[in-house]
Amino acid sequence: MTDDDADVVLRAGLAEAQRECVQIQLWLSERETHPFGGDSKSMDRALGSLLNEAWTLSRRARSELRAGKLSDAWATYAELQRHLPSLSTELLALIGGTYLMRNNLDDMRPRYDKDDELIGPDQPISFSEVARGLLNDLSSRAGKLNGSLLIVGEERQGPVPATIIRLRFPSCDLWNLPFIAHEYGYLVAQKDPPDAFRSMRDEVRRLVDPGTHGGDPPDAACYLPEVQRLWHQNLDPDLADPSGATDTGPLRELADRQVAHLCRLFADAFATYFAGPAYVYALLRLRFRPDPSLTEPGATLPSFVQRFFFAYETLRLLDTTEELYNEPPLSDIFAGETPFQNETNRTTGLYNEWRIALAGAGLAEDVQEQDRIYESARASLQPWLDQVWTALRNRDWLGRRAVPHVYWDWADALELRDHLSAPPKLKLQHWAVVNAAWLARIKEGENAVQPIEVEALRLLDAKQPRQGANAPEPADPGPGPSQADVNLVRRALARTPNTLRFFDSDTANTPVGGRLGERTSIIEALAGNVPATDAYARLTDPGRS
């Protein structure tokens, strides 16, 4: 072999990698002949940065090769080959998800037997479209990752290389919608988390390496068993792993796995915090498995009991942190009761369902053993839950309006639960409908799932107006302001605390039968809510009918 032949294999490999990059670029390029038309823009937004990274690695390898730095070029080429599979996998998932949506293969209308007729509205209801509405709502509440792309496809297991949210196929139904909040939270945890969680995540990654500390950290029990064993091997040479688990490669992989587990737990808390009890119900009823995954962490997921602990305890914190809901009008709606008291009741609520599932699966028939399994999760993970809860409540990250949404959705859901077929006449949030459906399922039992699903889908259908809300009915029009109008406007302004304070000040300083001064900020805050806008018009112009 001559010197000229020394790099022939590398040159061939780089040429093939470049061909792959060009092929991917064609899929991401907007053009008239693109098979998915305008969707190419979304695909480019989601994967453009990953493709740019591939091109950067390709150019660097070629530059090193021209400079005679053969070993460096090989190292860069190896990095490129590690990068390309994740890029092509994400693209393939996008292609499949887009195809499903464009051909109405993600239709949410229920069919309980392969020979059944589809049940519900005449037109298909796209799971992807409904899910996108829920995702947009989450994005507006958390103020994070606007423009994230959502697809139906293979459920993601490992770290997130692109801002793409994958939802499990073929679980394209109403009851799986809460998992949107989890997948979105998982993306947030890795791409744009609260500063407090970012610091926590980075510290967890650092501490996986036993060389960074001389003993177990205070939260040692939170870490994977493999990480804890690695620490002990480092302290006791007689326990050293002959396979070289502390080598850079295996250590990096173990750290990646540990961080992925932490981000999944964050996502369970995030989903409960923003989507409410519907997520905890879905997690327990649709993800409980009577197998080793119940108590043993998997390659990319924490054990089920760890995930249920994080979700259920977050709901308990939302229920017991009174400062979040103890001011009017929320305090008036819940009338001195805690919002999630039924769900967090250990003898009748979600925890009791956990016990029943364990007993029914033959895993723990004794109550003490059921409690022991759950409390083992608390014993190991409570320090991390405390930190995640603090991070989620950080108003610098979420903004002032983020927290109350789950309470308003729940108040609406409690009223809507018994009226899915004939809802009240004000606009509802998507998440209120999802929570109402789960509430109705819990109340009516599994035999009522089909009619509940059909009625909830009618409300969620993007092609139909969404109606209903937990609010007073507007009063009959007449001269002078009425308390019903005041209550209606206050309800509509509850999501904008500053504007609500202005309104309360105006009403407090206006005598009965008097006219309120009109505020542009209030008119803008009420935009889109016709009944509340009309009520405010009557308050600012008592003669208006």
Protein backbone atom coordinates (compact mmCIF):
# COMPACT_ATOMS: atom_id res chain seq x y z
CA MET A 1 0.00 0.00 0.00
CA THR A 2 1.36 3.43 -0.97
CA ASP A 3 1.09 6.63 1.02
CA ASP A 4 -1.63 7.73 -1.41
CA ASP A 5 -3.66 4.65 -0.45
CA ALA A 6 -3.44 5.29 3.30
CA ASP A 7 -6.59 7.40 3.35
CA VAL A 8 -8.63 5.66 0.64
CA VAL A 9 -11.05 4.05 3.09
CA LEU A 10 -11.53 7.32 4.93
CA ARG A 11 -12.18 9.20 1.68
CA ALA A 12 -14.77 6.64 0.64
CA GLY A 13 -16.49 6.86 4.00
CA LEU A 14 -16.56 10.66 3.91
CA ALA A 15 -17.99 10.62 0.39
CA GLU A 16 -20.81 8.32 1.47
CA ALA A 17 -21.51 10.45 4.56
CA GLN A 18 -21.74 13.51 2.33
CA ARG A 19 -24.26 11.73 0.10
CA GLU A 20 -26.37 10.98 3.18
CA CYS A 21 -26.25 14.62 4.26
CA VAL A 22 -27.33 15.77 0.80
CA GLN A 23 -30.26 13.31 0.84
CA ILE A 24 -31.37 14.55 4.26
CA GLN A 25 -31.02 18.15 3.11
CA LEU A 26 -33.40 17.47 0.22
CA TRP A 27 -36.04 16.31 2.69
CA LEU A 28 -35.61 19.48 4.73
CA SER A 29 -35.59 21.89 1.77
CA GLU A 30 -38.76 23.75 0.88
CA ARG A 31 -39.65 23.23 -2.78
CA GLU A 32 -42.72 22.82 -4.97
CA THR A 33 -42.04 19.13 -5.55
CA HIS A 34 -41.60 18.27 -1.87
CA PRO A 35 -43.89 15.31 -1.06
CA PHE A 36 -45.04 16.93 2.18
CA GLY A 37 -45.31 20.48 0.85
CA GLY A 38 -45.38 23.15 3.54
CA ASP A 39 -44.54 20.63 6.27
CA SER A 40 -40.94 20.79 5.06
CA LYS A 41 -40.59 24.08 6.96
CA SER A 42 -41.45 22.39 10.25
CA MET A 43 -39.10 19.53 9.44
CA ASP A 44 -36.26 21.96 8.77
CA ARG A 45 -36.93 23.82 12.04
CA ALA A 46 -36.80 20.58 13.96
CA LEU A 47 -33.74 19.02 12.31
CA GLY A 48 -31.85 21.90 10.69
CA SER A 49 -29.43 22.30 13.60
CA LEU A 50 -28.64 18.58 13.62
CA LEU A 51 -27.95 18.64 9.89
CA ASN A 52 -25.71 21.70 10.29
CA GLU A 53 -23.72 19.82 12.91
CA ALA A 54 -23.28 16.92 10.49
CA TRP A 55 -22.02 19.25 7.76
CA THR A 56 -19.61 20.89 10.24
CA LEU A 57 -18.13 17.51 11.17
CA SER A 58 -17.86 16.52 7.51
CA ARG A 59 -16.01 19.73 6.59
CA ARG A 60 -13.71 19.41 9.59
CA ALA A 61 -12.74 15.84 8.68
CA ARG A 62 -11.98 16.86 5.09
CA SER A 63 -9.94 19.84 6.26
CA GLU A 64 -7.92 17.63 8.62
CA LEU A 65 -7.40 15.13 5.83
CA ARG A 66 -6.07 17.82 3.47
CA ALA A 67 -3.73 19.02 6.21
CA GLY A 68 -2.30 15.52 6.59
CA LYS A 69 -3.77 15.04 10.08
CA LEU A 70 -4.96 11.53 9.37
CA SER A 71 -5.61 10.42 12.96
CA ASP A 72 -7.60 13.61 13.67
CA ALA A 73 -9.60 13.12 10.48
CA TRP A 74 -10.45 9.55 11.49
CA ALA A 75 -11.55 10.71 14.94
CA THR A 76 -13.82 13.38 13.45
CA TYR A 77 -15.20 10.89 10.94
CA ALA A 78 -16.03 8.51 13.79
CA GLU A 79 -17.91 11.33 15.55
CA LEU A 80 -19.79 12.06 12.31
CA GLN A 81 -20.81 8.40 12.02
CA ARG A 82 -22.11 8.46 15.60
CA HIS A 83 -24.13 11.58 14.79
CA LEU A 84 -25.71 10.58 11.47
CA PRO A 85 -27.86 7.67 12.75
CA SER A 86 -29.68 9.88 15.26
CA LEU A 87 -30.30 12.46 12.52
CA SER A 88 -31.63 9.89 10.05
CA THR A 89 -33.76 8.23 12.76
CA GLU A 90 -35.39 11.56 13.64
CA LEU A 91 -36.02 12.28 9.95
CA LEU A 92 -37.57 8.86 9.38
CA ALA A 93 -39.84 9.40 12.39
CA LEU A 94 -40.89 12.77 10.95
CA ILE A 95 -41.65 11.25 7.56
CA GLY A 96 -43.75 8.51 9.13
CA GLY A 97 -45.60 10.86 11.47
CA THR A 98 -46.35 13.34 8.69
CA TYR A 99 -47.61 10.54 6.44
CA LEU A 100 -49.94 9.27 9.18
CA MET A 101 -51.40 12.71 9.74
CA ARG A 102 -51.80 13.59 6.04
CA ASN A 103 -53.63 10.34 5.35
CA ASN A 104 -55.89 10.48 8.43
CA LEU A 105 -54.24 7.37 9.85
CA ASP A 106 -54.10 8.99 13.29
CA ASP A 107 -57.90 9.25 13.49
CA MET A 108 -58.98 9.44 17.14
CA ARG A 109 -62.53 8.20 16.66
CA PRO A 110 -62.82 5.01 18.72
CA ARG A 111 -63.18 1.54 17.27
CA TYR A 112 -63.30 -1.26 19.85
CA ASP A 113 -63.28 -4.16 17.40
CA LYS A 114 -61.69 -4.50 13.97
CA ASP A 115 -65.13 -5.00 12.40
CA ASP A 116 -66.76 -2.08 14.22
CA GLU A 117 -67.83 1.11 12.53
CA LEU A 118 -65.97 4.23 13.60
CA ILE A 119 -67.85 6.00 16.38
CA GLY A 120 -68.28 9.73 16.71
CA PRO A 121 -68.24 12.71 14.33
CA ASP A 122 -68.58 12.15 10.58
CA GLN A 123 -65.13 13.52 9.79
CA PRO A 124 -61.78 12.14 11.03
CA ILE A 125 -60.35 13.75 14.16
CA SER A 126 -56.58 13.95 13.85
CA PHE A 127 -54.76 12.89 17.01
CA SER A 128 -51.81 14.99 15.85
CA GLU A 129 -53.99 18.09 15.44
CA VAL A 130 -55.64 17.73 18.84
CA ALA A 131 -52.29 16.96 20.44
CA ARG A 132 -50.81 20.06 18.83
CA GLY A 133 -53.52 22.18 20.44
CA LEU A 134 -52.66 20.73 23.84
CA LEU A 135 -48.96 21.23 23.15
CA ASN A 136 -49.47 24.87 22.16
CA ASP A 137 -51.37 25.39 25.40
CA LEU A 138 -48.49 23.90 27.40
CA SER A 139 -46.00 26.02 25.50
CA SER A 140 -47.93 29.19 26.29
CA ARG A 141 -48.17 28.27 29.97
CA ALA A 142 -44.53 27.37 30.43
CA GLY A 143 -43.24 29.86 27.86
CA LYS A 144 -40.77 27.28 26.60
CA LEU A 145 -39.80 25.61 23.33
CA ASN A 146 -42.27 27.41 21.09
CA GLY A 147 -42.43 25.71 17.71
CA SER A 148 -41.66 22.22 18.99
CA LEU A 149 -42.78 19.63 16.45
CA LEU A 150 -45.12 16.84 17.47
CA ILE A 151 -45.53 13.55 15.62
CA VAL A 152 -47.08 10.14 16.12
CA GLY A 153 -44.53 7.37 15.78
CA GLU A 154 -42.13 5.17 17.68
CA GLU A 155 -42.00 6.25 21.33
CA ARG A 156 -38.69 7.88 22.20
CA GLN A 157 -36.52 6.05 24.69
CA GLY A 158 -33.20 7.85 24.93
CA PRO A 159 -32.06 11.50 25.06
CA VAL A 160 -33.71 14.05 22.77
CA PRO A 161 -31.46 15.13 19.88
CA ALA A 162 -34.07 17.43 18.28
CA THR A 163 -37.07 19.49 19.40
CA ILE A 164 -39.46 16.75 18.29
CA ILE A 165 -42.08 15.26 20.60
CA ARG A 166 -42.99 11.68 19.77
CA LEU A 167 -46.23 10.08 20.89
CA ARG A 168 -46.64 6.33 20.95
CA PHE A 169 -48.25 4.74 17.89
CA PRO A 170 -50.88 3.30 17.62
CA SER A 171 -52.14 4.77 20.95
CA CYS A 172 -53.88 7.63 19.14
CA ASP A 173 -56.83 8.09 21.46
CA LEU A 174 -58.28 10.46 24.00
CA TRP A 175 -56.90 8.61 27.01
CA ASN A 176 -53.27 8.86 25.90
CA LEU A 177 -53.40 12.63 25.41
CA PRO A 178 -51.99 13.37 28.92
CA PHE A 179 -48.68 11.81 27.87
CA ILE A 180 -48.15 14.85 25.64
CA ALA A 181 -47.40 16.77 28.83
CA HIS A 182 -44.82 14.19 29.90
CA GLU A 183 -43.02 14.11 26.55
CA TYR A 184 -43.02 17.90 26.40
CA GLY A 185 -41.65 18.04 29.95
CA TYR A 186 -38.92 15.58 28.99
CA LEU A 187 -37.94 17.86 26.13
CA VAL A 188 -37.98 20.92 28.41
CA ALA A 189 -35.80 19.13 30.97
CA GLN A 190 -33.08 18.62 28.37
CA LYS A 191 -33.40 21.72 26.19
CA ASP A 192 -34.73 24.62 28.25
CA PRO A 193 -35.27 23.78 31.94
CA PRO A 194 -35.54 26.12 34.94
CA ASP A 195 -32.11 27.33 36.01
CA ALA A 196 -32.43 25.45 39.30
CA PHE A 197 -33.08 22.18 37.51
CA ARG A 198 -30.34 22.83 34.97
CA SER A 199 -27.86 23.20 37.82
CA MET A 200 -29.24 20.09 39.50
CA ARG A 201 -29.03 18.08 36.26
CA ASP A 202 -25.47 19.16 35.57
CA GLU A 203 -24.41 18.36 39.13
CA VAL A 204 -25.97 14.90 38.90
CA ARG A 205 -24.03 14.27 35.70
CA ARG A 206 -20.79 15.44 37.32
CA LEU A 207 -21.22 13.29 40.42
CA VAL A 208 -21.65 10.07 38.45
CA ASP A 209 -17.86 10.15 38.07
CA PRO A 210 -16.47 8.87 41.38
CA GLY A 211 -13.33 10.90 40.76
CA THR A 212 -15.26 14.11 41.46
CA HIS A 213 -15.98 13.31 45.11
CA GLY A 214 -14.52 11.29 47.93
CA GLY A 215 -17.66 9.52 49.12
CA ASP A 216 -21.39 9.24 48.71
CA PRO A 217 -23.16 12.59 48.14
CA PRO A 218 -26.11 13.46 50.43
CA ASP A 219 -28.62 12.34 47.78
CA ALA A 220 -26.75 9.11 46.97
CA ALA A 221 -29.88 6.97 47.28
CA CYS A 222 -31.47 8.84 44.35
CA TYR A 223 -28.90 7.52 41.87
CA LEU A 224 -29.08 4.38 39.79
CA PRO A 225 -27.82 1.19 41.51
CA GLU A 226 -25.04 0.96 38.92
CA VAL A 227 -23.81 4.43 39.81
CA GLN A 228 -23.81 3.62 43.51
CA ARG A 229 -21.88 0.40 42.86
CA LEU A 230 -19.32 2.37 40.84
CA TRP A 231 -18.77 4.74 43.76
CA HIS A 232 -18.25 1.85 46.16
CA GLN A 233 -15.80 0.17 43.77
CA ASN A 234 -13.82 3.39 43.62
CA LEU A 235 -13.57 3.51 47.41
CA ASP A 236 -12.65 -0.18 47.75
CA PRO A 237 -10.04 -1.45 45.24
CA ASP A 238 -11.08 -5.04 46.00
CA LEU A 239 -14.46 -4.27 44.41
CA ALA A 240 -12.97 -2.74 41.26
CA ASP A 241 -14.68 -3.70 38.01
CA PRO A 242 -12.18 -5.48 35.72
CA SER A 243 -14.21 -4.45 32.67
CA GLY A 244 -13.09 -0.85 33.11
CA ALA A 245 -16.40 0.78 34.01
CA THR A 246 -14.58 3.99 34.88
CA ASP A 247 -13.19 4.38 31.36
CA THR A 248 -14.30 7.57 29.63
CA GLY A 249 -16.71 5.86 27.22
CA PRO A 250 -18.66 3.67 29.68
CA LEU A 251 -18.64 6.47 32.25
CA ARG A 252 -20.15 8.90 29.75
CA GLU A 253 -22.83 6.37 28.81
CA LEU A 254 -23.69 5.77 32.47
CA ALA A 255 -23.91 9.53 33.09
CA ASP A 256 -26.19 9.90 30.04
CA ARG A 257 -28.45 7.19 31.39
CA GLN A 258 -28.57 8.73 34.86
CA VAL A 259 -29.46 12.14 33.44
CA ALA A 260 -32.14 10.60 31.20
CA HIS A 261 -33.74 9.02 34.29
CA LEU A 262 -33.67 12.32 36.15
CA CYS A 263 -35.23 14.13 33.19
CA ARG A 264 -38.01 11.53 33.01
CA LEU A 265 -38.82 12.11 36.68
CA PHE A 266 -38.84 15.85 36.06
CA ALA A 267 -41.25 15.22 33.17
CA ASP A 268 -43.60 13.25 35.45
CA ALA A 269 -43.73 16.17 37.89
CA PHE A 270 -44.01 18.68 35.03
CA ALA A 271 -46.93 16.81 33.45
CA THR A 272 -48.83 16.70 36.74
CA TYR A 273 -48.06 20.36 37.46
CA PHE A 274 -49.47 21.55 34.14
CA ALA A 275 -51.95 18.86 33.02
CA GLY A 276 -53.37 17.95 36.43
CA PRO A 277 -54.83 14.67 37.71
CA ALA A 278 -55.54 13.41 34.16
CA TYR A 279 -51.83 12.67 33.82
CA VAL A 280 -51.61 10.72 37.08
CA TYR A 281 -54.72 8.72 36.16
CA ALA A 282 -53.30 7.95 32.71
CA LEU A 283 -49.92 6.99 34.14
CA LEU A 284 -51.43 4.55 36.63
CA ARG A 285 -54.10 3.02 34.41
CA LEU A 286 -52.19 2.86 31.13
CA ARG A 287 -48.55 2.36 32.13
CA PHE A 288 -48.74 0.03 35.15
CA ARG A 289 -47.10 -3.30 34.31
CA PRO A 290 -46.88 -6.33 36.67
CA ASP A 291 -43.28 -7.09 35.73
CA PRO A 292 -39.76 -6.15 36.91
CA SER A 293 -40.19 -2.61 35.53
CA LEU A 294 -42.49 -1.94 38.50
CA THR A 295 -39.56 -1.65 40.91
CA GLU A 296 -36.42 -1.91 38.74
CA PRO A 297 -35.12 0.98 36.61
CA GLY A 298 -34.82 0.22 32.91
CA ALA A 299 -32.27 1.32 30.35
CA THR A 300 -33.95 4.68 29.77
CA LEU A 301 -36.87 4.84 32.22
CA PRO A 302 -37.05 4.92 36.02
CA SER A 303 -39.07 2.17 37.65
CA PHE A 304 -42.84 2.62 37.54
CA VAL A 305 -43.11 3.14 41.29
CA GLN A 306 -40.54 5.95 41.07
CA ARG A 307 -42.50 7.65 38.30
CA PHE A 308 -45.82 7.22 40.10
CA PHE A 309 -44.26 8.59 43.28
CA PHE A 310 -43.07 11.73 41.48
CA ALA A 311 -46.43 12.33 39.79
CA TYR A 312 -48.66 11.55 42.77
CA GLU A 313 -46.56 13.53 45.26
CA THR A 314 -46.55 16.53 42.89
CA LEU A 315 -50.35 16.38 42.86
CA ARG A 316 -50.34 16.24 46.67
CA LEU A 317 -48.11 19.32 46.76
CA LEU A 318 -50.47 21.15 44.39
CA ASP A 319 -53.31 20.20 46.72
CA THR A 320 -51.65 21.26 49.98
CA THR A 321 -49.79 24.41 48.86
CA GLU A 322 -52.67 26.74 49.75
CA GLU A 323 -50.89 29.92 48.76
CA LEU A 324 -51.38 28.91 45.13
CA TYR A 325 -55.18 28.95 45.27
CA ASN A 326 -56.31 30.61 48.53
CA GLU A 327 -57.22 34.00 47.04
CA PRO A 328 -60.44 34.95 45.22
CA PRO A 329 -61.80 33.93 42.84
CA LEU A 330 -60.16 30.48 43.11
CA SER A 331 -60.81 30.30 46.84
CA ASP A 332 -64.48 31.06 46.16
CA ILE A 333 -64.72 28.26 43.60
CA PHE A 334 -63.21 25.60 45.85
CA ALA A 335 -65.23 26.92 48.82
CA GLY A 336 -62.66 26.18 51.51
CA GLU A 337 -61.83 22.69 50.21
CA THR A 338 -58.53 21.64 48.71
CA PRO A 339 -58.75 21.21 44.92
CA PHE A 340 -57.55 17.60 44.62
CA GLN A 341 -58.71 16.21 47.94
CA ASN A 342 -60.59 13.28 46.37
CA GLU A 343 -57.63 12.29 44.18
CA THR A 344 -55.10 12.51 47.02
CA ASN A 345 -57.23 10.71 49.61
CA ARG A 346 -55.14 7.64 50.48
CA THR A 347 -58.15 5.42 51.18
CA THR A 348 -60.35 6.28 48.19
CA GLY A 349 -58.23 8.13 45.63
CA LEU A 350 -55.29 7.42 43.36
CA TYR A 351 -53.17 5.84 46.07
CA ASN A 352 -55.93 3.34 46.74
CA GLU A 353 -55.99 2.49 43.02
CA TRP A 354 -52.25 1.84 43.30
CA ARG A 355 -52.87 -0.57 46.15
CA ILE A 356 -55.68 -2.33 44.28
CA ALA A 357 -53.50 -2.74 41.17
CA LEU A 358 -50.69 -4.30 43.22
CA ALA A 359 -53.05 -6.70 44.93
CA GLY A 360 -54.91 -7.60 41.74
CA ALA A 361 -51.66 -8.37 39.91
CA GLY A 362 -50.59 -10.63 42.79
CA LEU A 363 -47.55 -8.48 43.51
CA ALA A 364 -48.43 -7.34 47.02
CA GLU A 365 -51.70 -8.43 48.59
CA ASP A 366 -50.77 -7.17 52.05
CA VAL A 367 -51.40 -3.45 52.66
CA GLN A 368 -48.12 -3.10 54.53
CA GLU A 369 -46.21 -4.55 51.59
CA GLN A 370 -48.02 -2.22 49.18
CA ASP A 371 -47.03 0.74 51.33
CA ARG A 372 -43.47 -0.55 51.65
CA ILE A 373 -43.01 -0.60 47.86
CA TYR A 374 -44.25 2.98 47.58
CA GLU A 375 -42.31 4.27 50.56
CA SER A 376 -39.12 2.76 49.16
CA ALA A 377 -39.45 5.26 46.30
CA ARG A 378 -39.94 8.07 48.80
CA ALA A 379 -36.89 7.01 50.79
CA SER A 380 -34.66 7.17 47.74
CA LEU A 381 -36.14 10.06 45.73
CA GLN A 382 -37.54 12.63 48.19
CA PRO A 383 -34.46 14.93 47.92
CA TRP A 384 -34.83 15.10 44.14
CA LEU A 385 -38.59 15.67 44.34
CA ASP A 386 -38.01 18.60 46.69
CA GLN A 387 -35.57 20.17 44.24
CA VAL A 388 -37.79 19.61 41.21
CA TRP A 389 -40.81 21.11 43.00
CA THR A 390 -38.77 24.20 43.89
CA ALA A 391 -37.59 24.49 40.28
CA LEU A 392 -41.11 24.20 38.86
CA ARG A 393 -42.44 26.94 41.11
CA ASN A 394 -39.75 29.44 40.08
CA ARG A 395 -41.70 32.41 38.73
CA ASP A 396 -38.66 33.80 36.93
CA TRP A 397 -38.94 30.73 34.73
CA LEU A 398 -42.70 30.27 34.48
CA GLY A 399 -44.04 33.79 34.74
CA ARG A 400 -46.86 34.90 37.01
CA ARG A 401 -49.71 33.22 35.20
CA ALA A 402 -48.38 29.67 34.90
CA VAL A 403 -49.39 28.08 38.19
CA PRO A 404 -53.15 28.87 38.40
CA HIS A 405 -53.97 27.27 35.03
CA VAL A 406 -54.14 23.75 36.45
CA TYR A 407 -56.58 24.91 39.12
CA TRP A 408 -58.86 26.67 36.61
CA ASP A 409 -58.79 23.64 34.34
CA TRP A 410 -59.70 21.43 37.27
CA ALA A 411 -62.57 23.68 38.36
CA ASP A 412 -63.92 23.58 34.80
CA ALA A 413 -63.41 19.80 34.64
CA LEU A 414 -65.36 19.21 37.86
CA GLU A 415 -68.36 21.02 36.38
CA LEU A 416 -67.98 19.56 32.92
CA ARG A 417 -67.63 15.94 34.11
CA ASP A 418 -71.40 15.39 34.26
CA HIS A 419 -72.20 17.54 31.22
CA LEU A 420 -69.89 16.39 28.44
CA SER A 421 -72.83 16.04 26.05
CA ALA A 422 -74.36 19.41 26.97
CA PRO A 423 -71.56 21.65 28.26
CA PRO A 424 -71.95 25.22 29.55
CA LYS A 425 -71.60 27.95 26.98
CA LEU A 426 -68.21 29.50 27.54
CA LYS A 427 -64.87 28.60 26.00
CA LEU A 428 -62.94 25.74 27.60
CA GLN A 429 -59.28 24.91 27.59
CA HIS A 430 -58.26 21.61 25.98
CA TRP A 431 -56.79 20.34 29.24
CA ALA A 432 -60.07 20.94 31.09
CA VAL A 433 -61.83 18.61 28.63
CA VAL A 434 -59.17 15.92 29.03
CA ASN A 435 -59.42 16.11 32.83
CA ALA A 436 -63.23 16.05 32.66
CA ALA A 437 -63.13 12.91 30.52
CA TRP A 438 -60.85 11.14 33.00
CA LEU A 439 -63.05 12.29 35.87
CA ALA A 440 -66.13 10.89 34.13
CA ARG A 441 -64.31 7.61 33.46
CA ILE A 442 -63.38 7.26 37.11
CA LYS A 443 -66.92 8.07 38.23
CA GLU A 444 -68.86 5.99 35.69
CA GLY A 445 -66.51 3.03 35.38
CA GLU A 446 -64.86 1.24 32.48
CA ASN A 447 -68.20 0.25 30.89
CA ALA A 448 -68.89 3.93 30.17
CA VAL A 449 -65.60 4.62 28.40
CA GLN A 450 -67.06 4.64 24.88
CA PRO A 451 -69.78 7.31 25.31
CA ILE A 452 -67.44 9.45 27.42
CA GLU A 453 -64.79 9.26 24.74
CA VAL A 454 -67.19 10.22 21.95
CA GLU A 455 -68.54 13.26 23.78
CA ALA A 456 -65.10 14.47 24.85
CA LEU A 457 -63.82 14.12 21.28
CA ARG A 458 -66.62 16.35 20.02
CA LEU A 459 -65.35 19.07 22.36
CA LEU A 460 -61.71 18.54 21.43
CA ASP A 461 -62.26 18.35 17.70
CA ALA A 462 -60.28 21.23 16.22
CA LYS A 463 -63.00 21.66 13.58
CA GLN A 464 -65.69 22.33 16.19
CA PRO A 465 -65.98 25.29 18.60
CA ARG A 466 -64.87 24.40 22.11
CA GLN A 467 -67.47 25.36 24.69
CA GLY A 468 -68.05 25.26 28.39
CA ALA A 469 -66.45 26.83 31.47
CA ASN A 470 -66.73 26.94 35.23
CA ALA A 471 -68.30 30.39 35.48
CA PRO A 472 -71.63 32.02 36.29
CA GLU A 473 -74.15 32.23 33.49
CA PRO A 474 -74.47 35.80 32.17
CA ALA A 475 -77.38 37.68 33.68
CA ASP A 476 -80.31 38.91 31.65
CA PRO A 477 -79.33 42.26 30.12
CA GLY A 478 -80.74 45.27 31.89
CA PRO A 479 -79.82 48.73 33.14
CA GLY A 480 -77.00 49.16 35.62
CA PRO A 481 -74.16 46.81 36.63
CA SER A 482 -75.04 43.47 38.21
CA GLN A 483 -73.10 41.16 40.49
CA ALA A 484 -73.45 38.39 37.90
CA ASP A 485 -71.65 40.56 35.34
CA VAL A 486 -68.93 41.39 37.87
CA ASN A 487 -68.43 37.70 38.65
CA LEU A 488 -68.31 36.80 34.98
CA VAL A 489 -65.62 39.38 34.23
CA ARG A 490 -63.60 38.43 37.31
CA ARG A 491 -63.66 34.80 36.20
CA ALA A 492 -62.38 35.72 32.75
CA LEU A 493 -59.61 37.95 34.17
CA ALA A 494 -58.35 35.41 36.69
CA ARG A 495 -55.52 34.36 34.36
CA THR A 496 -54.24 37.95 34.21
CA PRO A 497 -53.72 38.93 37.89
CA ASN A 498 -52.63 42.53 37.25
CA THR A 499 -55.69 43.25 35.11
CA LEU A 500 -57.92 41.57 37.68
CA ARG A 501 -56.55 43.86 40.39
CA PHE A 502 -57.42 46.92 38.29
CA PHE A 503 -60.94 45.59 37.77
CA ASP A 504 -61.42 44.84 41.48
CA SER A 505 -60.22 48.35 42.32
CA ASP A 506 -62.67 49.87 39.83
CA THR A 507 -65.63 47.89 41.17
CA ALA A 508 -64.71 48.60 44.80
CA ASN A 509 -64.69 52.34 44.14
CA THR A 510 -67.89 52.45 42.08
CA PRO A 511 -71.24 52.78 43.88
CA VAL A 512 -74.03 50.30 43.19
CA GLY A 513 -75.70 51.27 39.93
CA GLY A 514 -72.71 53.40 38.97
CA ARG A 515 -70.66 53.21 35.79
CA LEU A 516 -67.16 51.73 35.69
CA GLY A 517 -64.42 53.56 33.83
CA GLU A 518 -63.41 51.69 30.71
CA ARG A 519 -59.86 50.30 30.61
CA THR A 520 -58.16 49.27 27.37
CA SER A 521 -56.06 46.67 29.19
CA ILE A 522 -59.22 44.92 30.43
CA ILE A 523 -60.83 45.00 27.00
CA GLU A 524 -57.70 43.41 25.51
CA ALA A 525 -57.57 40.75 28.25
CA LEU A 526 -61.20 39.81 27.56
CA ALA A 527 -60.71 39.62 23.79
CA GLY A 528 -62.17 36.41 22.39
CA ASN A 529 -64.47 35.82 25.38
CA VAL A 530 -67.73 37.22 24.03
CA PRO A 531 -69.92 36.76 27.14
CA ALA A 532 -67.33 38.40 29.42
CA THR A 533 -66.75 41.20 26.91
CA ASP A 534 -70.51 41.87 26.79
CA ALA A 535 -70.68 41.81 30.59
CA TYR A 536 -67.86 44.35 30.81
CA ALA A 537 -69.61 46.54 28.25
CA ARG A 538 -72.72 46.52 30.44
CA LEU A 539 -70.64 47.46 33.48
CA THR A 540 -68.98 50.39 31.70
CA ASP A 541 -72.25 51.47 30.05
CA PRO A 542 -75.20 50.63 32.34
CA GLY A 543 -77.72 51.63 29.69
CA ARG A 544 -76.42 49.07 27.22
CA SER A 545 -78.49 45.94 26.64
